[in-house]
Amino acid sequence: TIMESENIYIYKNTVEELNQTINSLQDNYTDLMTENDQLQKNFISLSQKNLETRVRDLTAVKNQLIVRDRQLITRVRDLTAEKKQLQRDFESLNKKGPVCLFMSSELKNWSDSRQYCRDHGADLIIINTEEKQVSLFSERVWIGLSDTEQEGIMKWVDNSTLKQGITEGQRNTRTTTDFRHRLR
């Protein structure tokens, strides 16, 4: 019958359209799955690159901090050693009596230099160690040694006699004032 034939034709067309739709949907699904796989790979790759970059950056910062830490440890060690040396020097100075040296840029003779020191509560330096002698004679200074009381008898300004030798050249140096001031 015609009706049956027509229904069969419609049915075949519908089946064919459905098959095409199914095929199209399967193709779309396959394309979407492929795209999804690619996106996941890209995401993983980007995440991996970002993580690698972040790890590399953090490693660089860590290495800088390690270097800085070592520098600070060395600096603390150096400062501690310097502090200990300064404490030893200070204790050594305290055993000898505190000393303050002043070097004037004014040119004066021995008597005027001594008076200047006395006016400021001090006196010319007494050199009683080789260290003082060596360090002071790198400068041209007046020292607290003279033979003004008795020609040829050298005495320090505290009236103690000269116990160590001093050369004639050292005895006659005089371009700056130098005095010792005992802190009390």
Foldseek 3Di string as FASTA:
>chain_A
DVVVVVVVVVVVVVVVVVVVVVVVVVVVVVVVVVVVVVVVVVVVVVVVVVVVVVVVVVVVVVVVVVVVVVVVVVVVVVVVVVVVVVVVVVVVCVVVFPKDKDKAQDFDDQVVLQVVQVVVQWGFADDDDVVCVVVVVVDQEAGQWDCVVHPPFIAGVVRHGDDDDDDPVNNPGTRIRITIHGDD
